[in-house]
PDB file of N, CA and C in Angstrom:
ATOM      1  N   MET A   1      73.540 104.937 112.441  1.00  0.00           N
ATOM      2  CA  MET A   1      73.582 103.730 111.637  1.00  0.00           C
ATOM      3  C   MET A   1      72.474 102.792 112.118  1.00  0.00           C
ATOM      4  N   PRO A   2      71.707 102.203 111.204  1.00  0.00           N
ATOM      5  CA  PRO A   2      70.664 101.262 111.607  1.00  0.00           C
ATOM      6  C   PRO A   2      71.229 100.082 112.398  1.00  0.00           C
ATOM      7  N   ALA A   3      70.408  99.568 113.301  1.00  0.00           N
ATOM      8  CA  ALA A   3      70.846  98.473 114.176  1.00  0.00           C
ATOM      9  C   ALA A   3      71.301  97.250 113.387  1.00  0.00           C
ATOM     10  N   ALA A   4      70.644  96.944 112.266  1.00  0.00           N
ATOM     11  CA  ALA A   4      71.041  95.769 111.478  1.00  0.00           C
ATOM     12  C   ALA A   4      72.453  95.938 110.934  1.00  0.00           C
ATOM     13  N   ASP A   5      72.793  97.139 110.481  1.00  0.00           N
ATOM     14  CA  ASP A   5      74.155  97.398 109.999  1.00  0.00           C
ATOM     15  C   ASP A   5      75.163  97.303 111.137  1.00  0.00           C
ATOM     16  N   LEU A   6      74.789  97.818 112.310  1.00  0.00           N
ATOM     17  CA  LEU A   6      75.670  97.698 113.479  1.00  0.00           C
ATOM     18  C   LEU A   6      75.908  96.233 113.827  1.00  0.00           C
ATOM     19  N   LEU A   7      74.854  95.442 113.781  1.00  0.00           N
ATOM     20  CA  LEU A   7      74.981  94.016 114.092  1.00  0.00           C
ATOM     21  C   LEU A   7      75.902  93.325 113.098  1.00  0.00           C
ATOM     22  N   ARG A   8      75.755  93.647 111.825  1.00  0.00           N
ATOM     23  CA  ARG A   8      76.635  93.052 110.810  1.00  0.00           C
ATOM     24  C   ARG A   8      78.086  93.473 111.029  1.00  0.00           C
ATOM     25  N   ARG A   9      78.328  94.744 111.329  1.00  0.00           N
ATOM     26  CA  ARG A   9      79.702  95.209 111.588  1.00  0.00           C
ATOM     27  C   ARG A   9      80.267  94.559 112.844  1.00  0.00           C
ATOM     28  N   LEU A  10      79.445  94.454 113.886  1.00  0.00           N
ATOM     29  CA  LEU A  10      79.870  93.799 115.119  1.00  0.00           C
ATOM     30  C   LEU A  10      80.292  92.360 114.838  1.00  0.00           C
ATOM     31  N   ALA A  11      79.514  91.655 114.033  1.00  0.00           N
ATOM     32  CA  ALA A  11      79.827  90.263 113.700  1.00  0.00           C
ATOM     33  C   ALA A  11      81.162  90.154 112.975  1.00  0.00           C
ATOM     34  N   VAL A  12      81.431  91.063 112.046  1.00  0.00           N
ATOM     35  CA  VAL A  12      82.702  91.036 111.311  1.00  0.00           C
ATOM     36  C   VAL A  12      83.875  91.289 112.262  1.00  0.00           C
ATOM     37  N   VAL A  13      83.737  92.283 113.115  1.00  0.00           N
ATOM     38  CA  VAL A  13      84.812  92.607 114.062  1.00  0.00           C
ATOM     39  C   VAL A  13      85.086  91.427 114.987  1.00  0.00           C
ATOM     40  N   LEU A  14      84.029  90.790 115.484  1.00  0.00           N
ATOM     41  CA  LEU A  14      84.214  89.623 116.347  1.00  0.00           C
ATOM     42  C   LEU A  14      84.845  88.465 115.575  1.00  0.00           C
ATOM     43  N   ASP A  15      84.321  88.187 114.397  1.00  0.00           N
ATOM     44  CA  ASP A  15      84.818  87.068 113.603  1.00  0.00           C
ATOM     45  C   ASP A  15      86.287  87.244 113.224  1.00  0.00           C
ATOM     46  N   GLU A  16      86.686  88.487 112.950  1.00  0.00           N
ATOM     47  CA  GLU A  16      88.076  88.761 112.551  1.00  0.00           C
ATOM     48  C   GLU A  16      88.989  89.076 113.737  1.00  0.00           C
ATOM     49  N   HIS A  17      88.459  88.961 114.949  1.00  0.00           N
ATOM     50  CA  HIS A  17      89.248  89.165 116.175  1.00  0.00           C
ATOM     51  C   HIS A  17      89.880  90.555 116.205  1.00  0.00           C
ATOM     52  N   ARG A  18      89.166  91.549 115.750  1.00  0.00           N
ATOM     53  CA  ARG A  18      89.670  92.927 115.708  1.00  0.00           C
ATOM     54  C   ARG A  18      89.281  93.648 117.001  1.00  0.00           C
ATOM     55  N   TRP A  19      89.881  93.208 118.105  1.00  0.00           N
ATOM     56  CA  TRP A  19      89.485  93.689 119.430  1.00  0.00           C
ATOM     57  C   TRP A  19      89.702  95.186 119.594  1.00  0.00           C
ATOM     58  N   ASP A  20      90.711  95.744 118.957  1.00  0.00           N
ATOM     59  CA  ASP A  20      90.955  97.188 119.061  1.00  0.00           C
ATOM     60  C   ASP A  20      89.864  98.003 118.367  1.00  0.00           C
ATOM     61  N   ASP A  21      89.164  97.401 117.405  1.00  0.00           N
ATOM     62  CA  ASP A  21      88.086  98.085 116.685  1.00  0.00           C
ATOM     63  C   ASP A  21      86.737  97.951 117.384  1.00  0.00           C
ATOM     64  N   LEU A  22      86.619  97.024 118.300  1.00  0.00           N
ATOM     65  CA  LEU A  22      85.335  96.742 118.945  1.00  0.00           C
ATOM     66  C   LEU A  22      84.767  97.939 119.720  1.00  0.00           C
ATOM     67  N   PRO A  23      85.541  98.639 120.548  1.00  0.00           N
ATOM     68  CA  PRO A  23      84.959  99.743 121.318  1.00  0.00           C
ATOM     69  C   PRO A  23      84.337 100.843 120.458  1.00  0.00           C
ATOM     70  N   ALA A  24      84.828 101.049 119.243  1.00  0.00           N
ATOM     71  CA  ALA A  24      84.302 102.106 118.374  1.00  0.00           C
ATOM     72  C   ALA A  24      82.860 101.832 117.949  1.00  0.00           C
ATOM     73  N   LEU A  25      82.395 100.584 118.055  1.00  0.00           N
ATOM     74  CA  LEU A  25      81.018 100.237 117.700  1.00  0.00           C
ATOM     75  C   LEU A  25      80.066 100.341 118.891  1.00  0.00           C
ATOM     76  N   LEU A  26      80.624 100.494 120.085  1.00  0.00           N
ATOM     77  CA  LEU A  26      79.849 100.376 121.316  1.00  0.00           C
ATOM     78  C   LEU A  26      79.625 101.730 121.979  1.00  0.00           C
ATOM     79  N   HIS A  27      78.390 102.008 122.359  1.00  0.00           N
ATOM     80  CA  HIS A  27      78.050 103.242 123.061  1.00  0.00           C
ATOM     81  C   HIS A  27      78.746 103.240 124.423  1.00  0.00           C
ATOM     82  N   PRO A  28      79.230 104.397 124.879  1.00  0.00           N
ATOM     83  CA  PRO A  28      79.921 104.440 126.185  1.00  0.00           C
ATOM     84  C   PRO A  28      79.071 103.917 127.342  1.00  0.00           C
ATOM     85  N   GLU A  29      77.752 104.013 127.215  1.00  0.00           N
ATOM     86  CA  GLU A  29      76.861 103.520 128.265  1.00  0.00           C
ATOM     87  C   GLU A  29      76.241 102.172 127.895  1.00  0.00           C
ATOM     88  N   LEU A  30      76.954 101.410 127.074  1.00  0.00           N
ATOM     89  CA  LEU A  30      76.489 100.101 126.618  1.00  0.00           C
ATOM     90  C   LEU A  30      76.064  99.215 127.782  1.00  0.00           C
ATOM     91  N   GLU A  31      74.968  98.504 127.553  1.00  0.00           N
ATOM     92  CA  GLU A  31      74.525  97.463 128.475  1.00  0.00           C
ATOM     93  C   GLU A  31      74.467  96.157 127.702  1.00  0.00           C
ATOM     94  N   VAL A  32      75.243  95.167 128.148  1.00  0.00           N
ATOM     95  CA  VAL A  32      75.208  93.835 127.551  1.00  0.00           C
ATOM     96  C   VAL A  32      74.658  92.893 128.616  1.00  0.00           C
ATOM     97  N   ARG A  33      73.706  92.062 128.203  1.00  0.00           N
ATOM     98  CA  ARG A  33      73.119  91.100 129.142  1.00  0.00           C
ATOM     99  C   ARG A  33      73.080  89.735 128.481  1.00  0.00           C
ATOM    100  N   TYR A  34      73.587  88.732 129.195  1.00  0.00           N
ATOM    101  CA  TYR A  34      73.495  87.340 128.763  1.00  0.00           C
ATOM    102  C   TYR A  34      72.336  86.709 129.531  1.00  0.00           C
ATOM    103  N   VAL A  35      71.240  86.471 128.830  1.00  0.00           N
ATOM    104  CA  VAL A  35      70.026  85.960 129.454  1.00  0.00           C
ATOM    105  C   VAL A  35      70.263  84.605 130.112  1.00  0.00           C
ATOM    106  N   HIS A  36      71.019  83.739 129.459  1.00  0.00           N
ATOM    107  CA  HIS A  36      71.221  82.365 129.921  1.00  0.00           C
ATOM    108  C   HIS A  36      72.047  82.265 131.194  1.00  0.00           C
ATOM    109  N   THR A  37      72.871  83.277 131.491  1.00  0.00           N
ATOM    110  CA  THR A  37      73.698  83.232 132.703  1.00  0.00           C
ATOM    111  C   THR A  37      73.383  84.352 133.697  1.00  0.00           C
ATOM    112  N   GLY A  38      72.656  85.370 133.243  1.00  0.00           N
ATOM    113  CA  GLY A  38      72.365  86.515 134.098  1.00  0.00           C
ATOM    114  C   GLY A  38      73.507  87.518 134.184  1.00  0.00           C
ATOM    115  N   GLU A  39      74.577  87.292 133.437  1.00  0.00           N
ATOM    116  CA  GLU A  39      75.724  88.201 133.476  1.00  0.00           C
ATOM    117  C   GLU A  39      75.403  89.508 132.761  1.00  0.00           C
ATOM    118  N   ARG A  40      76.082  90.583 133.230  1.00  0.00           N
ATOM    119  CA  ARG A  40      75.960  91.902 132.608  1.00  0.00           C
ATOM    120  C   ARG A  40      77.365  92.460 132.415  1.00  0.00           C
ATOM    121  N   PHE A  41      77.556  93.181 131.293  1.00  0.00           N
ATOM    122  CA  PHE A  41      78.872  93.707 130.950  1.00  0.00           C
ATOM    123  C   PHE A  41      78.747  95.149 130.478  1.00  0.00           C
ATOM    124  N   ASP A  42      79.770  95.948 130.804  1.00  0.00           N
ATOM    125  CA  ASP A  42      79.890  97.276 130.205  1.00  0.00           C
ATOM    126  C   ASP A  42      80.860  97.159 129.032  1.00  0.00           C
ATOM    127  N   VAL A  43      81.243  98.279 128.427  1.00  0.00           N
ATOM    128  CA  VAL A  43      82.102  98.251 127.241  1.00  0.00           C
ATOM    129  C   VAL A  43      83.402  97.504 127.516  1.00  0.00           C
ATOM    130  N   ASP A  44      84.128  97.931 128.552  1.00  0.00           N
ATOM    131  CA  ASP A  44      85.440  97.327 128.832  1.00  0.00           C
ATOM    132  C   ASP A  44      85.324  95.826 129.122  1.00  0.00           C
ATOM    133  N   ALA A  45      84.339  95.443 129.914  1.00  0.00           N
ATOM    134  CA  ALA A  45      84.178  94.036 130.273  1.00  0.00           C
ATOM    135  C   ALA A  45      83.781  93.201 129.057  1.00  0.00           C
ATOM    136  N   PHE A  46      82.953  93.767 128.160  1.00  0.00           N
ATOM    137  CA  PHE A  46      82.540  93.039 126.966  1.00  0.00           C
ATOM    138  C   PHE A  46      83.715  92.833 126.013  1.00  0.00           C
ATOM    139  N   VAL A  47      84.550  93.845 125.858  1.00  0.00           N
ATOM    140  CA  VAL A  47      85.728  93.708 124.996  1.00  0.00           C
ATOM    141  C   VAL A  47      86.669  92.659 125.572  1.00  0.00           C
ATOM    142  N   ARG A  48      86.940  92.726 126.873  1.00  0.00           N
ATOM    143  CA  ARG A  48      87.826  91.749 127.531  1.00  0.00           C
ATOM    144  C   ARG A  48      87.280  90.332 127.409  1.00  0.00           C
ATOM    145  N   LEU A  49      85.978  90.177 127.636  1.00  0.00           N
ATOM    146  CA  LEU A  49      85.346  88.866 127.544  1.00  0.00           C
ATOM    147  C   LEU A  49      85.610  88.238 126.189  1.00  0.00           C
ATOM    148  N   ASN A  50      85.432  88.997 125.131  1.00  0.00           N
ATOM    149  CA  ASN A  50      85.631  88.465 123.785  1.00  0.00           C
ATOM    150  C   ASN A  50      87.097  88.232 123.471  1.00  0.00           C
ATOM    151  N   ALA A  51      87.941  89.170 123.817  1.00  0.00           N
ATOM    152  CA  ALA A  51      89.374  89.046 123.511  1.00  0.00           C
ATOM    153  C   ALA A  51      90.022  87.901 124.282  1.00  0.00           C
ATOM    154  N   ASP A  52      89.544  87.646 125.482  1.00  0.00           N
ATOM    155  CA  ASP A  52      90.156  86.631 126.345  1.00  0.00           C
ATOM    156  C   ASP A  52      89.450  85.283 126.308  1.00  0.00           C
ATOM    157  N   TYR A  53      88.387  85.161 125.492  1.00  0.00           N
ATOM    158  CA  TYR A  53      87.626  83.916 125.491  1.00  0.00           C
ATOM    159  C   TYR A  53      88.512  82.774 124.996  1.00  0.00           C
ATOM    160  N   PRO A  54      88.665  81.708 125.795  1.00  0.00           N
ATOM    161  CA  PRO A  54      89.591  80.633 125.437  1.00  0.00           C
ATOM    162  C   PRO A  54      89.179  79.898 124.154  1.00  0.00           C
ATOM    163  N   GLY A  55      90.089  79.863 123.200  1.00  0.00           N
ATOM    164  CA  GLY A  55      89.890  79.091 121.987  1.00  0.00           C
ATOM    165  C   GLY A  55      88.914  79.657 120.981  1.00  0.00           C
ATOM    166  N   PHE A  56      88.418  80.880 121.201  1.00  0.00           N
ATOM    167  CA  PHE A  56      87.433  81.454 120.284  1.00  0.00           C
ATOM    168  C   PHE A  56      87.990  81.506 118.869  1.00  0.00           C
ATOM    169  N   GLU A  57      87.179  81.045 117.912  1.00  0.00           N
ATOM    170  CA  GLU A  57      87.595  81.045 116.513  1.00  0.00           C
ATOM    171  C   GLU A  57      86.704  81.893 115.624  1.00  0.00           C
ATOM    172  N   ARG A  58      85.415  81.548 115.546  1.00  0.00           N
ATOM    173  CA  ARG A  58      84.533  82.161 114.547  1.00  0.00           C
ATOM    174  C   ARG A  58      83.244  82.662 115.166  1.00  0.00           C
ATOM    175  N   PHE A  59      82.760  83.776 114.614  1.00  0.00           N
ATOM    176  CA  PHE A  59      81.414  84.281 114.881  1.00  0.00           C
ATOM    177  C   PHE A  59      80.772  84.458 113.517  1.00  0.00           C
ATOM    178  N   ASP A  60      79.975  83.476 113.125  1.00  0.00           N
ATOM    179  CA  ASP A  60      79.382  83.443 111.787  1.00  0.00           C
ATOM    180  C   ASP A  60      77.921  83.879 111.873  1.00  0.00           C
ATOM    181  N   LEU A  61      77.637  85.110 111.439  1.00  0.00           N
ATOM    182  CA  LEU A  61      76.277  85.643 111.450  1.00  0.00           C
ATOM    183  C   LEU A  61      75.498  85.012 110.309  1.00  0.00           C
ATOM    184  N   VAL A  62      74.455  84.267 110.645  1.00  0.00           N
ATOM    185  CA  VAL A  62      73.704  83.481 109.676  1.00  0.00           C
ATOM    186  C   VAL A  62      72.463  84.220 109.175  1.00  0.00           C
ATOM    187  N   ASP A  63      71.846  85.018 110.041  1.00  0.00           N
ATOM    188  CA  ASP A  63      70.587  85.659 109.697  1.00  0.00           C
ATOM    189  C   ASP A  63      70.439  86.944 110.496  1.00  0.00           C
ATOM    190  N   VAL A  64      69.805  87.961 109.873  1.00  0.00           N
ATOM    191  CA  VAL A  64      69.542  89.234 110.541  1.00  0.00           C
ATOM    192  C   VAL A  64      68.114  89.656 110.235  1.00  0.00           C
ATOM    193  N   VAL A  65      67.406  90.100 111.263  1.00  0.00           N
ATOM    194  CA  VAL A  65      66.085  90.691 111.098  1.00  0.00           C
ATOM    195  C   VAL A  65      66.214  92.160 111.484  1.00  0.00           C
ATOM    196  N   ASP A  66      65.829  93.044 110.568  1.00  0.00           N
ATOM    197  CA  ASP A  66      66.002  94.489 110.718  1.00  0.00           C
ATOM    198  C   ASP A  66      64.700  95.129 111.185  1.00  0.00           C
ATOM    199  N   ALA A  67      64.762  95.862 112.280  1.00  0.00           N
ATOM    200  CA  ALA A  67      63.597  96.594 112.782  1.00  0.00           C
ATOM    201  C   ALA A  67      63.972  98.047 113.052  1.00  0.00           C
ATOM    202  N   GLY A  68      64.809  98.630 112.194  1.00  0.00           N
ATOM    203  CA  GLY A  68      65.192 100.035 112.338  1.00  0.00           C
ATOM    204  C   GLY A  68      66.208 100.248 113.437  1.00  0.00           C
ATOM    205  N   THR A  69      65.760 100.729 114.588  1.00  0.00           N
ATOM    206  CA  THR A  69      66.677 100.968 115.703  1.00  0.00           C
ATOM    207  C   THR A  69      66.953  99.699 116.504  1.00  0.00           C
ATOM    208  N   ARG A  70      66.285  98.612 116.115  1.00  0.00           N
ATOM    209  CA  ARG A  70      66.522  97.322 116.758  1.00  0.00           C
ATOM    210  C   ARG A  70      66.747  96.275 115.683  1.00  0.00           C
ATOM    211  N   ALA A  71      67.552  95.272 116.016  1.00  0.00           N
ATOM    212  CA  ALA A  71      67.807  94.164 115.092  1.00  0.00           C
ATOM    213  C   ALA A  71      68.089  92.910 115.905  1.00  0.00           C
ATOM    214  N   VAL A  72      67.822  91.787 115.279  1.00  0.00           N
ATOM    215  CA  VAL A  72      68.140  90.508 115.904  1.00  0.00           C
ATOM    216  C   VAL A  72      68.922  89.677 114.903  1.00  0.00           C
ATOM    217  N   GLY A  73      69.906  88.969 115.401  1.00  0.00           N
ATOM    218  CA  GLY A  73      70.715  88.112 114.550  1.00  0.00           C
ATOM    219  C   GLY A  73      70.833  86.724 115.140  1.00  0.00           C
ATOM    220  N   ARG A  74      71.039  85.772 114.235  1.00  0.00           N
ATOM    221  CA  ARG A  74      71.280  84.388 114.639  1.00  0.00           C
ATOM    222  C   ARG A  74      72.668  84.036 114.128  1.00  0.00           C
ATOM    223  N   ALA A  75      73.510  83.522 115.026  1.00  0.00           N
ATOM    224  CA  ALA A  75      74.890  83.230 114.655  1.00  0.00           C
ATOM    225  C   ALA A  75      75.309  81.856 115.157  1.00  0.00           C
ATOM    226  N   ARG A  76      76.361  81.353 114.513  1.00  0.00           N
ATOM    227  CA  ARG A  76      77.024  80.115 114.932  1.00  0.00           C
ATOM    228  C   ARG A  76      78.428  80.521 115.379  1.00  0.00           C
ATOM    229  N   VAL A  77      78.782  80.113 116.579  1.00  0.00           N
ATOM    230  CA  VAL A  77      80.086  80.461 117.152  1.00  0.00           C
ATOM    231  C   VAL A  77      80.860  79.174 117.383  1.00  0.00           C
ATOM    232  N   THR A  78      82.133  79.193 117.014  1.00  0.00           N
ATOM    233  CA  THR A  78      82.977  78.024 117.260  1.00  0.00           C
ATOM    234  C   THR A  78      84.203  78.416 118.075  1.00  0.00           C
ATOM    235  N   ALA A  79      84.635  77.462 118.877  1.00  0.00           N
ATOM    236  CA  ALA A  79      85.827  77.625 119.705  1.00  0.00           C
ATOM    237  C   ALA A  79      86.495  76.259 119.829  1.00  0.00           C
ATOM    238  N   HIS A  80      87.807  76.269 120.026  1.00  0.00           N
ATOM    239  CA  HIS A  80      88.560  75.041 120.268  1.00  0.00           C
ATOM    240  C   HIS A  80      88.909  74.966 121.750  1.00  0.00           C
ATOM    241  N   THR A  81      88.546  73.864 122.379  1.00  0.00           N
ATOM    242  CA  THR A  81      88.957  73.635 123.763  1.00  0.00           C
ATOM    243  C   THR A  81      89.337  72.172 123.916  1.00  0.00           C
ATOM    244  N   ASP A  82      90.457  71.957 124.562  1.00  0.00           N
ATOM    245  CA  ASP A  82      90.944  70.599 124.821  1.00  0.00           C
ATOM    246  C   ASP A  82      90.973  69.749 123.552  1.00  0.00           C
ATOM    247  N   GLY A  83      91.392  70.360 122.434  1.00  0.00           N
ATOM    248  CA  GLY A  83      91.558  69.627 121.195  1.00  0.00           C
ATOM    249  C   GLY A  83      90.280  69.315 120.437  1.00  0.00           C
ATOM    250  N   GLN A  84      89.163  69.829 120.879  1.00  0.00           N
ATOM    251  CA  GLN A  84      87.918  69.586 120.147  1.00  0.00           C
ATOM    252  C   GLN A  84      87.232  70.907 119.823  1.00  0.00           C
ATOM    253  N   VAL A  85      86.387  70.874 118.808  1.00  0.00           N
ATOM    254  CA  VAL A  85      85.646  72.055 118.398  1.00  0.00           C
ATOM    255  C   VAL A  85      84.322  72.091 119.141  1.00  0.00           C
ATOM    256  N   ASP A  86      84.057  73.217 119.797  1.00  0.00           N
ATOM    257  CA  ASP A  86      82.773  73.441 120.451  1.00  0.00           C
ATOM    258  C   ASP A  86      81.977  74.393 119.571  1.00  0.00           C
ATOM    259  N   THR A  87      80.707  74.088 119.360  1.00  0.00           N
ATOM    260  CA  THR A  87      79.846  74.914 118.528  1.00  0.00           C
ATOM    261  C   THR A  87      78.672  75.410 119.363  1.00  0.00           C
ATOM    262  N   TYR A  88      78.373  76.683 119.216  1.00  0.00           N
ATOM    263  CA  TYR A  88      77.285  77.322 119.952  1.00  0.00           C
ATOM    264  C   TYR A  88      76.362  78.033 118.980  1.00  0.00           C
ATOM    265  N   ALA A  89      75.104  78.141 119.359  1.00  0.00           N
ATOM    266  CA  ALA A  89      74.149  78.975 118.641  1.00  0.00           C
ATOM    267  C   ALA A  89      73.865  80.171 119.535  1.00  0.00           C
ATOM    268  N   VAL A  90      73.815  81.353 118.924  1.00  0.00           N
ATOM    269  CA  VAL A  90      73.556  82.566 119.703  1.00  0.00           C
ATOM    270  C   VAL A  90      72.537  83.426 118.982  1.00  0.00           C
ATOM    271  N   ALA A  91      71.622  83.967 119.762  1.00  0.00           N
ATOM    272  CA  ALA A  91      70.688  84.977 119.271  1.00  0.00           C
ATOM    273  C   ALA A  91      71.118  86.296 119.897  1.00  0.00           C
ATOM    274  N   SER A  92      71.357  87.295 119.046  1.00  0.00           N
ATOM    275  CA  SER A  92      71.815  88.608 119.507  1.00  0.00           C
ATOM    276  C   SER A  92      70.758  89.651 119.193  1.00  0.00           C
ATOM    277  N   PHE A  93      70.344  90.396 120.207  1.00  0.00           N
ATOM    278  CA  PHE A  93      69.353  91.455 120.064  1.00  0.00           C
ATOM    279  C   PHE A  93      70.066  92.789 120.295  1.00  0.00           C
ATOM    280  N   VAL A  94      70.107  93.630 119.268  1.00  0.00           N
ATOM    281  CA  VAL A  94      70.852  94.895 119.324  1.00  0.00           C
ATOM    282  C   VAL A  94      69.879  96.063 119.283  1.00  0.00           C
ATOM    283  N   THR A  95      70.143  97.056 120.129  1.00  0.00           N
ATOM    284  CA  THR A  95      69.416  98.323 120.077  1.00  0.00           C
ATOM    285  C   THR A  95      70.420  99.423 119.792  1.00  0.00           C
ATOM    286  N   GLU A  96      70.129 100.221 118.776  1.00  0.00           N
ATOM    287  CA  GLU A  96      71.000 101.340 118.381  1.00  0.00           C
ATOM    288  C   GLU A  96      70.759 102.532 119.305  1.00  0.00           C
ATOM    289  N   ARG A  97      71.844 103.203 119.644  1.00  0.00           N
ATOM    290  CA  ARG A  97      71.770 104.436 120.444  1.00  0.00           C
ATOM    291  C   ARG A  97      72.854 105.372 119.942  1.00  0.00           C
ATOM    292  N   ASP A  98      72.465 106.513 119.423  1.00  0.00           N
ATOM    293  CA  ASP A  98      73.414 107.508 118.902  1.00  0.00           C
ATOM    294  C   ASP A  98      74.341 106.917 117.840  1.00  0.00           C
ATOM    295  N   GLY A  99      73.812 106.018 117.019  1.00  0.00           N
ATOM    296  CA  GLY A  99      74.595 105.422 115.936  1.00  0.00           C
ATOM    297  C   GLY A  99      75.529 104.308 116.361  1.00  0.00           C
ATOM    298  N   LEU A 100      75.423 103.866 117.618  1.00  0.00           N
ATOM    299  CA  LEU A 100      76.292 102.809 118.159  1.00  0.00           C
ATOM    300  C   LEU A 100      75.431 101.727 118.794  1.00  0.00           C
ATOM    301  N   VAL A 101      76.060 100.617 119.139  1.00  0.00           N
ATOM    302  CA  VAL A 101      75.358  99.563 119.865  1.00  0.00           C
ATOM    303  C   VAL A 101      75.142 100.068 121.288  1.00  0.00           C
ATOM    304  N   GLY A 102      73.886 100.328 121.638  1.00  0.00           N
ATOM    305  CA  GLY A 102      73.561 100.846 122.968  1.00  0.00           C
ATOM    306  C   GLY A 102      73.144  99.762 123.935  1.00  0.00           C
ATOM    307  N   GLU A 103      72.570  98.698 123.389  1.00  0.00           N
ATOM    308  CA  GLU A 103      72.176  97.559 124.207  1.00  0.00           C
ATOM    309  C   GLU A 103      72.378  96.299 123.380  1.00  0.00           C
ATOM    310  N   LEU A 104      72.870  95.263 124.032  1.00  0.00           N
ATOM    311  CA  LEU A 104      73.054  93.963 123.397  1.00  0.00           C
ATOM    312  C   LEU A 104      72.581  92.903 124.385  1.00  0.00           C
ATOM    313  N   VAL A 105      71.590  92.140 123.964  1.00  0.00           N
ATOM    314  CA  VAL A 105      71.089  91.030 124.775  1.00  0.00           C
ATOM    315  C   VAL A 105      71.364  89.765 123.976  1.00  0.00           C
ATOM    316  N   GLU A 106      72.028  88.792 124.612  1.00  0.00           N
ATOM    317  CA  GLU A 106      72.359  87.551 123.906  1.00  0.00           C
ATOM    318  C   GLU A 106      71.860  86.342 124.670  1.00  0.00           C
ATOM    319  N   VAL A 107      71.483  85.322 123.891  1.00  0.00           N
ATOM    320  CA  VAL A 107      71.081  84.030 124.427  1.00  0.00           C
ATOM    321  C   VAL A 107      71.920  82.980 123.711  1.00  0.00           C
ATOM    322  N   TRP A 108      72.699  82.215 124.479  1.00  0.00           N
ATOM    323  CA  TRP A 108      73.618  81.207 123.939  1.00  0.00           C
ATOM    324  C   TRP A 108      73.136  79.811 124.310  1.00  0.00           C
ATOM    325  N   THR A 109      73.453  78.862 123.433  1.00  0.00           N
ATOM    326  CA  THR A 109      73.192  77.455 123.735  1.00  0.00           C
ATOM    327  C   THR A 109      74.232  76.600 123.036  1.00  0.00           C
ATOM    328  N   ASP A 110      74.550  75.471 123.624  1.00  0.00           N
ATOM    329  CA  ASP A 110      75.406  74.485 122.959  1.00  0.00           C
ATOM    330  C   ASP A 110      74.633  73.896 121.790  1.00  0.00           C
ATOM    331  N   VAL A 111      75.328  73.558 120.749  1.00  0.00           N
ATOM    332  CA  VAL A 111      74.710  72.856 119.639  1.00  0.00           C
ATOM    333  C   VAL A 111      75.110  71.395 119.765  1.00  0.00           C
ATOM    334  N   SER A 112      74.122  70.560 119.966  1.00  0.00           N
ATOM    335  CA  SER A 112      74.417  69.137 120.143  1.00  0.00           C
ATOM    336  C   SER A 112      73.463  68.333 119.256  1.00  0.00           C
ATOM    337  N   PRO A 113      73.785  67.080 119.034  1.00  0.00           N
ATOM    338  CA  PRO A 113      72.895  66.249 118.212  1.00  0.00           C
ATOM    339  C   PRO A 113      71.519  66.119 118.855  1.00  0.00           C
ATOM    340  N   PRO A 114      70.497  65.916 118.052  1.00  0.00           N
ATOM    341  CA  PRO A 114      69.162  65.726 118.613  1.00  0.00           C
ATOM    342  C   PRO A 114      69.099  64.436 119.430  1.00  0.00           C
ATOM    343  N   PRO A 115      68.166  64.386 120.359  1.00  0.00           N
ATOM    344  CA  PRO A 115      68.010  63.160 121.154  1.00  0.00           C
ATOM    345  C   PRO A 115      67.694  61.972 120.247  1.00  0.00           C
ATOM    346  N   PRO A 116      68.081  60.769 120.645  1.00  0.00           N
ATOM    347  CA  PRO A 116      67.776  59.579 119.844  1.00  0.00           C
ATOM    348  C   PRO A 116      66.273  59.469 119.571  1.00  0.00           C
ATOM    349  N   GLY A 117      65.948  59.035 118.374  1.00  0.00           N
ATOM    350  CA  GLY A 117      64.557  58.858 118.017  1.00  0.00           C
ATOM    351  C   GLY A 117      63.892  60.077 117.409  1.00  0.00           C
ATOM    352  N   ARG A 118      64.626  61.187 117.306  1.00  0.00           N
ATOM    353  CA  ARG A 118      64.047  62.394 116.696  1.00  0.00           C
ATOM    354  C   ARG A 118      64.572  62.604 115.317  1.00  0.00           C
TER     355      ARG A 118
END
């Protein structure tokens, strides 16, 4: 399956909280890397991270760029913590391996208002 299709399916599974379906999209030797924190995850750790993320609500895939065996997506993620909505922007870089997500590199940032005067 092309990487762009894998990315779209991954986004749906995450958005719908279908944690039992998540491993079927992931290569057994999956490497996940969060550039902003330096963290690395294998399949089990990545599934747990998503399933256990406090207050996670939505993973809204906004844009996808298709490069065959590689794809990049831009998403908006929301979560509720302490009674307020937190919004994040994430760039996800997917590499296909044997028809599954073989590598996932993500960069996350808080979405906040622009500085005054901009």
